[in-house]
């Protein structure tokens, strides 16, 4: 509170706290969204693309010798 009025101190403290709360909420939302995407991908995996299928075939060819 050095060098500022009580009002400035209160506003600065409130802003700092509000930013922290918003940051924590954003992290929580991201984690929830990512968790849902991961679960959905595990439960309903997409078909492998042609590129992935070719990479798997190349891997099997290279490691089966």
PDB file of N, CA and C in Angstrom:
ATOM      1  N   UNK A   1       0.816  -1.179   0.000  1.00  0.00           N
ATOM      2  CA  UNK A   1       0.000   0.000   0.000  1.00  0.00           C
ATOM      3  C   UNK A   1       0.862   1.245   0.000  1.00  0.00           C
ATOM      4  N   UNK A   2       2.146   1.071  -0.109  1.00  0.00           N
ATOM      5  CA  UNK A   2       3.063   2.199  -0.096  1.00  0.00           C
ATOM      6  C   UNK A   2       2.942   3.002  -1.374  1.00  0.00           C
ATOM      7  N   UNK A   3       2.773   4.293  -1.255  1.00  0.00           N
ATOM      8  CA  UNK A   3       2.732   5.189  -2.404  1.00  0.00           C
ATOM      9  C   UNK A   3       1.414   5.164  -3.159  1.00  0.00           C
ATOM     10  N   UNK A   4       0.356   4.630  -2.572  1.00  0.00           N
ATOM     11  CA  UNK A   4      -0.937   4.637  -3.254  1.00  0.00           C
ATOM     12  C   UNK A   4      -2.040   4.868  -2.230  1.00  0.00           C
ATOM     13  N   UNK A   5      -3.156   5.311  -2.734  1.00  0.00           N
ATOM     14  CA  UNK A   5      -4.291   5.543  -1.842  1.00  0.00           C
ATOM     15  C   UNK A   5      -4.939   4.207  -1.493  1.00  0.00           C
ATOM     16  N   UNK A   6      -5.793   4.236  -0.520  1.00  0.00           N
ATOM     17  CA  UNK A   6      -6.520   3.029  -0.138  1.00  0.00           C
ATOM     18  C   UNK A   6      -7.372   2.530  -1.308  1.00  0.00           C
ATOM     19  N   UNK A   7      -7.996   3.468  -2.017  1.00  0.00           N
ATOM     20  CA  UNK A   7      -8.815   3.091  -3.175  1.00  0.00           C
ATOM     21  C   UNK A   7      -7.962   2.411  -4.234  1.00  0.00           C
ATOM     22  N   UNK A   8      -6.802   2.960  -4.537  1.00  0.00           N
ATOM     23  CA  UNK A   8      -5.914   2.347  -5.529  1.00  0.00           C
ATOM     24  C   UNK A   8      -5.489   0.946  -5.086  1.00  0.00           C
ATOM     25  N   UNK A   9      -5.184   0.813  -3.819  1.00  0.00           N
ATOM     26  CA  UNK A   9      -4.791  -0.484  -3.289  1.00  0.00           C
ATOM     27  C   UNK A   9      -5.919  -1.501  -3.423  1.00  0.00           C
ATOM     28  N   UNK A  10      -7.123  -1.111  -3.053  1.00  0.00           N
ATOM     29  CA  UNK A  10      -8.269  -2.026  -3.121  1.00  0.00           C
ATOM     30  C   UNK A  10      -8.538  -2.418  -4.570  1.00  0.00           C
ATOM     31  N   UNK A  11      -8.523  -1.461  -5.476  1.00  0.00           N
ATOM     32  CA  UNK A  11      -8.782  -1.755  -6.889  1.00  0.00           C
ATOM     33  C   UNK A  11      -7.691  -2.671  -7.440  1.00  0.00           C
ATOM     34  N   UNK A  12      -6.438  -2.374  -7.151  1.00  0.00           N
ATOM     35  CA  UNK A  12      -5.332  -3.189  -7.635  1.00  0.00           C
ATOM     36  C   UNK A  12      -5.439  -4.623  -7.099  1.00  0.00           C
ATOM     37  N   UNK A  13      -5.772  -4.772  -5.843  1.00  0.00           N
ATOM     38  CA  UNK A  13      -5.914  -6.096  -5.250  1.00  0.00           C
ATOM     39  C   UNK A  13      -7.087  -6.847  -5.865  1.00  0.00           C
ATOM     40  N   UNK A  14      -8.199  -6.167  -6.080  1.00  0.00           N
ATOM     41  CA  UNK A  14      -9.377  -6.799  -6.685  1.00  0.00           C
ATOM     42  C   UNK A  14      -9.082  -7.246  -8.118  1.00  0.00           C
ATOM     43  N   UNK A  15      -8.387  -6.419  -8.873  1.00  0.00           N
ATOM     44  CA  UNK A  15      -8.042  -6.762 -10.254  1.00  0.00           C
ATOM     45  C   UNK A  15      -7.108  -7.971 -10.279  1.00  0.00           C
ATOM     46  N   UNK A  16      -6.126  -7.980  -9.406  1.00  0.00           N
ATOM     47  CA  UNK A  16      -5.181  -9.104  -9.348  1.00  0.00           C
ATOM     48  C   UNK A  16      -5.923 -10.410  -9.010  1.00  0.00           C
ATOM     49  N   UNK A  17      -6.829 -10.340  -8.049  1.00  0.00           N
ATOM     50  CA  UNK A  17      -7.599 -11.521  -7.661  1.00  0.00           C
ATOM     51  C   UNK A  17      -8.520 -11.967  -8.808  1.00  0.00           C
ATOM     52  N   UNK A  18      -9.177 -11.024  -9.456  1.00  0.00           N
ATOM     53  CA  UNK A  18     -10.082 -11.354 -10.566  1.00  0.00           C
ATOM     54  C   UNK A  18      -9.314 -12.025 -11.700  1.00  0.00           C
ATOM     55  N   UNK A  19      -8.134 -11.539 -12.013  1.00  0.00           N
ATOM     56  CA  UNK A  19      -7.326 -12.166 -13.066  1.00  0.00           C
ATOM     57  C   UNK A  19      -6.963 -13.598 -12.704  1.00  0.00           C
ATOM     58  N   UNK A  20      -6.617 -13.817 -11.448  1.00  0.00           N
ATOM     59  CA  UNK A  20      -6.261 -15.168 -11.003  1.00  0.00           C
ATOM     60  C   UNK A  20      -7.468 -16.105 -11.118  1.00  0.00           C
ATOM     61  N   UNK A  21      -8.633 -15.649 -10.697  1.00  0.00           N
ATOM     62  CA  UNK A  21      -9.845 -16.463 -10.775  1.00  0.00           C
ATOM     63  C   UNK A  21     -10.167 -16.787 -12.229  1.00  0.00           C
ATOM     64  N   UNK A  22     -10.096 -15.810 -13.109  1.00  0.00           N
ATOM     65  CA  UNK A  22     -10.386 -16.044 -14.526  1.00  0.00           C
ATOM     66  C   UNK A  22      -9.388 -17.013 -15.141  1.00  0.00           C
ATOM     67  N   UNK A  23      -8.132 -16.885 -14.784  1.00  0.00           N
ATOM     68  CA  UNK A  23      -7.091 -17.793 -15.293  1.00  0.00           C
ATOM     69  C   UNK A  23      -7.364 -19.225 -14.835  1.00  0.00           C
ATOM     70  N   UNK A  24      -7.730 -19.390 -13.573  1.00  0.00           N
ATOM     71  CA  UNK A  24      -8.029 -20.727 -13.049  1.00  0.00           C
ATOM     72  C   UNK A  24      -9.261 -21.321 -13.729  1.00  0.00           C
ATOM     73  N   UNK A  25     -10.276 -20.523 -13.973  1.00  0.00           N
ATOM     74  CA  UNK A  25     -11.485 -21.003 -14.647  1.00  0.00           C
ATOM     75  C   UNK A  25     -11.167 -21.410 -16.082  1.00  0.00           C
ATOM     76  N   UNK A  26     -10.326 -20.636 -16.764  1.00  0.00           N
ATOM     77  CA  UNK A  26      -9.953 -20.968 -18.140  1.00  0.00           C
ATOM     78  C   UNK A  26      -9.206 -22.291 -18.181  1.00  0.00           C
ATOM     79  N   UNK A  27      -8.332 -22.527 -17.222  1.00  0.00           N
ATOM     80  CA  UNK A  27      -7.589 -23.786 -17.164  1.00  0.00           C
ATOM     81  C   UNK A  27      -8.552 -24.934 -16.915  1.00  0.00           C
ATOM     82  N   UNK A  28      -9.498 -24.766 -16.030  1.00  0.00           N
ATOM     83  CA  UNK A  28     -10.470 -25.808 -15.724  1.00  0.00           C
ATOM     84  C   UNK A  28     -11.316 -26.130 -16.944  1.00  0.00           C
ATOM     85  N   UNK A  29     -11.785 -25.110 -17.655  1.00  0.00           N
ATOM     86  CA  UNK A  29     -12.589 -25.349 -18.855  1.00  0.00           C
ATOM     87  C   UNK A  29     -11.782 -26.087 -19.908  1.00  0.00           C
ATOM     88  N   UNK A  30     -10.536 -25.688 -20.098  1.00  0.00           N
ATOM     89  CA  UNK A  30      -9.683 -26.348 -21.072  1.00  0.00           C
ATOM     90  C   UNK A  30      -9.491 -27.805 -20.689  1.00  0.00           C
ATOM     91  N   UNK A  31      -9.231 -28.073 -19.428  1.00  0.00           N
ATOM     92  CA  UNK A  31      -9.029 -29.445 -18.992  1.00  0.00           C
ATOM     93  C   UNK A  31     -10.287 -30.280 -19.179  1.00  0.00           C
ATOM     94  N   UNK A  32     -11.450 -29.729 -18.886  1.00  0.00           N
ATOM     95  CA  UNK A  32     -12.698 -30.461 -19.075  1.00  0.00           C
ATOM     96  C   UNK A  32     -12.923 -30.754 -20.546  1.00  0.00           C
ATOM     97  N   UNK A  33     -12.692 -29.763 -21.401  1.00  0.00           N
ATOM     98  CA  UNK A  33     -12.879 -29.942 -22.841  1.00  0.00           C
ATOM     99  C   UNK A  33     -11.910 -30.979 -23.373  1.00  0.00           C
ATOM    100  N   UNK A  34     -10.649 -30.882 -22.977  1.00  0.00           N
ATOM    101  CA  UNK A  34      -9.646 -31.838 -23.441  1.00  0.00           C
ATOM    102  C   UNK A  34      -9.959 -33.254 -22.953  1.00  0.00           C
ATOM    103  N   UNK A  35     -10.442 -33.368 -21.729  1.00  0.00           N
ATOM    104  CA  UNK A  35     -10.793 -34.676 -21.200  1.00  0.00           C
ATOM    105  C   UNK A  35     -11.916 -35.301 -22.019  1.00  0.00           C
ATOM    106  N   UNK A  36     -12.922 -34.513 -22.343  1.00  0.00           N
ATOM    107  CA  UNK A  36     -14.035 -35.015 -23.148  1.00  0.00           C
ATOM    108  C   UNK A  36     -13.558 -35.430 -24.542  1.00  0.00           C
ATOM    109  N   UNK A  37     -12.682 -34.643 -25.147  1.00  0.00           N
ATOM    110  CA  UNK A  37     -12.149 -34.995 -26.467  1.00  0.00           C
ATOM    111  C   UNK A  37     -11.366 -36.296 -26.409  1.00  0.00           C
ATOM    112  N   UNK A  38     -10.553 -36.460 -25.376  1.00  0.00           N
ATOM    113  CA  UNK A  38      -9.759 -37.671 -25.232  1.00  0.00           C
ATOM    114  C   UNK A  38     -10.651 -38.889 -25.033  1.00  0.00           C
ATOM    115  N   UNK A  39     -11.618 -38.787 -24.138  1.00  0.00           N
ATOM    116  CA  UNK A  39     -12.521 -39.914 -23.884  1.00  0.00           C
ATOM    117  C   UNK A  39     -13.274 -40.277 -25.151  1.00  0.00           C
ATOM    118  N   UNK A  40     -13.769 -39.276 -25.858  1.00  0.00           N
ATOM    119  CA  UNK A  40     -14.501 -39.535 -27.095  1.00  0.00           C
ATOM    120  C   UNK A  40     -13.608 -40.223 -28.131  1.00  0.00           C
ATOM    121  N   UNK A  41     -12.361 -39.793 -28.239  1.00  0.00           N
ATOM    122  CA  UNK A  41     -11.437 -40.409 -29.196  1.00  0.00           C
ATOM    123  C   UNK A  41     -11.115 -41.846 -28.810  1.00  0.00           C
ATOM    124  N   UNK A  42     -11.047 -42.138 -27.517  1.00  0.00           N
ATOM    125  CA  UNK A  42     -10.768 -43.504 -27.072  1.00  0.00           C
ATOM    126  C   UNK A  42     -11.976 -44.417 -27.259  1.00  0.00           C
ATOM    127  N   UNK A  43     -13.153 -43.894 -26.970  1.00  0.00           N
ATOM    128  CA  UNK A  43     -14.368 -44.699 -27.075  1.00  0.00           C
ATOM    129  C   UNK A  43     -14.795 -44.861 -28.536  1.00  0.00           C
ATOM    130  N   UNK A  44     -14.624 -43.817 -29.327  1.00  0.00           N
ATOM    131  CA  UNK A  44     -15.026 -43.827 -30.740  1.00  0.00           C
ATOM    132  C   UNK A  44     -13.843 -43.410 -31.612  1.00  0.00           C
ATOM    133  N   UNK A  45     -12.827 -44.250 -31.720  1.00  0.00           N
ATOM    134  CA  UNK A  45     -11.635 -43.833 -32.476  1.00  0.00           C
ATOM    135  C   UNK A  45     -11.964 -43.661 -33.961  1.00  0.00           C
ATOM    136  N   UNK A  46     -11.346 -42.678 -34.594  1.00  0.00           N
ATOM    137  CA  UNK A  46     -11.573 -42.486 -36.023  1.00  0.00           C
ATOM    138  C   UNK A  46     -10.857 -43.581 -36.821  1.00  0.00           C
ATOM    139  N   UNK A  47     -11.301 -43.792 -38.027  1.00  0.00           N
ATOM    140  CA  UNK A  47     -10.619 -44.730 -38.909  1.00  0.00           C
ATOM    141  C   UNK A  47      -9.241 -44.168 -39.237  1.00  0.00           C
ATOM    142  N   UNK A  48      -8.229 -45.038 -39.356  1.00  0.00           N
ATOM    143  CA  UNK A  48      -6.899 -44.528 -39.702  1.00  0.00           C
ATOM    144  C   UNK A  48      -6.888 -43.949 -41.112  1.00  0.00           C
ATOM    145  N   UNK A  49      -6.174 -42.853 -41.261  1.00  0.00           N
ATOM    146  CA  UNK A  49      -6.070 -42.224 -42.578  1.00  0.00           C
ATOM    147  C   UNK A  49      -5.179 -43.082 -43.478  1.00  0.00           C
ATOM    148  N   UNK A  50      -5.197 -42.794 -44.753  1.00  0.00           N
ATOM    149  CA  UNK A  50      -4.346 -43.524 -45.701  1.00  0.00           C
ATOM    150  C   UNK A  50      -2.876 -43.368 -45.339  1.00  0.00           C
ATOM    151  N   UNK A  51      -2.496 -42.174 -44.924  1.00  0.00           N
ATOM    152  CA  UNK A  51      -1.101 -41.912 -44.558  1.00  0.00           C
ATOM    153  C   UNK A  51      -0.710 -42.745 -43.337  1.00  0.00           C
ATOM    154  N   UNK A  52      -1.568 -42.799 -42.345  1.00  0.00           N
ATOM    155  CA  UNK A  52      -1.286 -43.591 -41.149  1.00  0.00           C
ATOM    156  C   UNK A  52      -1.234 -45.078 -41.489  1.00  0.00           C
ATOM    157  N   UNK A  53      -2.156 -45.538 -42.316  1.00  0.00           N
ATOM    158  CA  UNK A  53      -2.160 -46.939 -42.716  1.00  0.00           C
ATOM    159  C   UNK A  53      -0.872 -47.303 -43.449  1.00  0.00           C
ATOM    160  N   UNK A  54      -0.417 -46.424 -44.336  1.00  0.00           N
ATOM    161  CA  UNK A  54       0.826 -46.663 -45.078  1.00  0.00           C
ATOM    162  C   UNK A  54       2.017 -46.671 -44.119  1.00  0.00           C
ATOM    163  N   UNK A  55       2.036 -45.757 -43.160  1.00  0.00           N
ATOM    164  CA  UNK A  55       3.122 -45.713 -42.179  1.00  0.00           C
ATOM    165  C   UNK A  55       3.161 -46.997 -41.371  1.00  0.00           C
ATOM    166  N   UNK A  56       1.984 -47.526 -40.998  1.00  0.00           N
ATOM    167  CA  UNK A  56       1.926 -48.779 -40.243  1.00  0.00           C
ATOM    168  C   UNK A  56       2.453 -49.941 -41.076  1.00  0.00           C
ATOM    169  N   UNK A  57       2.072 -49.986 -42.340  1.00  0.00           N
ATOM    170  CA  UNK A  57       2.560 -51.045 -43.226  1.00  0.00           C
ATOM    171  C   UNK A  57       4.078 -50.964 -43.387  1.00  0.00           C
ATOM    172  N   UNK A  58       4.600 -49.733 -43.557  1.00  0.00           N
ATOM    173  CA  UNK A  58       6.048 -49.551 -43.674  1.00  0.00           C
ATOM    174  C   UNK A  58       6.754 -50.002 -42.397  1.00  0.00           C
ATOM    175  N   UNK A  59       6.168 -49.687 -41.241  1.00  0.00           N
ATOM    176  CA  UNK A  59       6.738 -50.091 -39.967  1.00  0.00           C
ATOM    177  C   UNK A  59       6.757 -51.612 -39.850  1.00  0.00           C
ATOM    178  N   UNK A  60       5.636 -52.251 -40.190  1.00  0.00           N
ATOM    179  CA  UNK A  60       5.582 -53.709 -40.116  1.00  0.00           C
ATOM    180  C   UNK A  60       6.609 -54.351 -41.051  1.00  0.00           C
ATOM    181  N   UNK A  61       6.758 -53.801 -42.258  1.00  0.00           N
ATOM    182  CA  UNK A  61       7.747 -54.316 -43.207  1.00  0.00           C
ATOM    183  C   UNK A  61       9.160 -54.169 -42.637  1.00  0.00           C
ATOM    184  N   UNK A  62       9.434 -53.030 -42.033  1.00  0.00           N
ATOM    185  CA  UNK A  62      10.786 -52.759 -41.530  1.00  0.00           C
ATOM    186  C   UNK A  62      11.123 -53.582 -40.299  1.00  0.00           C
ATOM    187  N   UNK A  63      10.139 -53.920 -39.492  1.00  0.00           N
ATOM    188  CA  UNK A  63      10.427 -54.617 -38.225  1.00  0.00           C
ATOM    189  C   UNK A  63      10.193 -56.119 -38.298  1.00  0.00           C
ATOM    190  N   UNK A  64       9.634 -56.609 -39.368  1.00  0.00           N
ATOM    191  CA  UNK A  64       9.344 -58.040 -39.434  1.00  0.00           C
ATOM    192  C   UNK A  64      10.461 -58.851 -40.089  1.00  0.00           C
ATOM    193  N   UNK A  65      11.522 -58.199 -40.483  1.00  0.00           N
ATOM    194  CA  UNK A  65      12.628 -58.905 -41.155  1.00  0.00           C
ATOM    195  C   UNK A  65      13.641 -59.399 -40.173  1.00  0.00           C
TER     196      UNK A  65
END
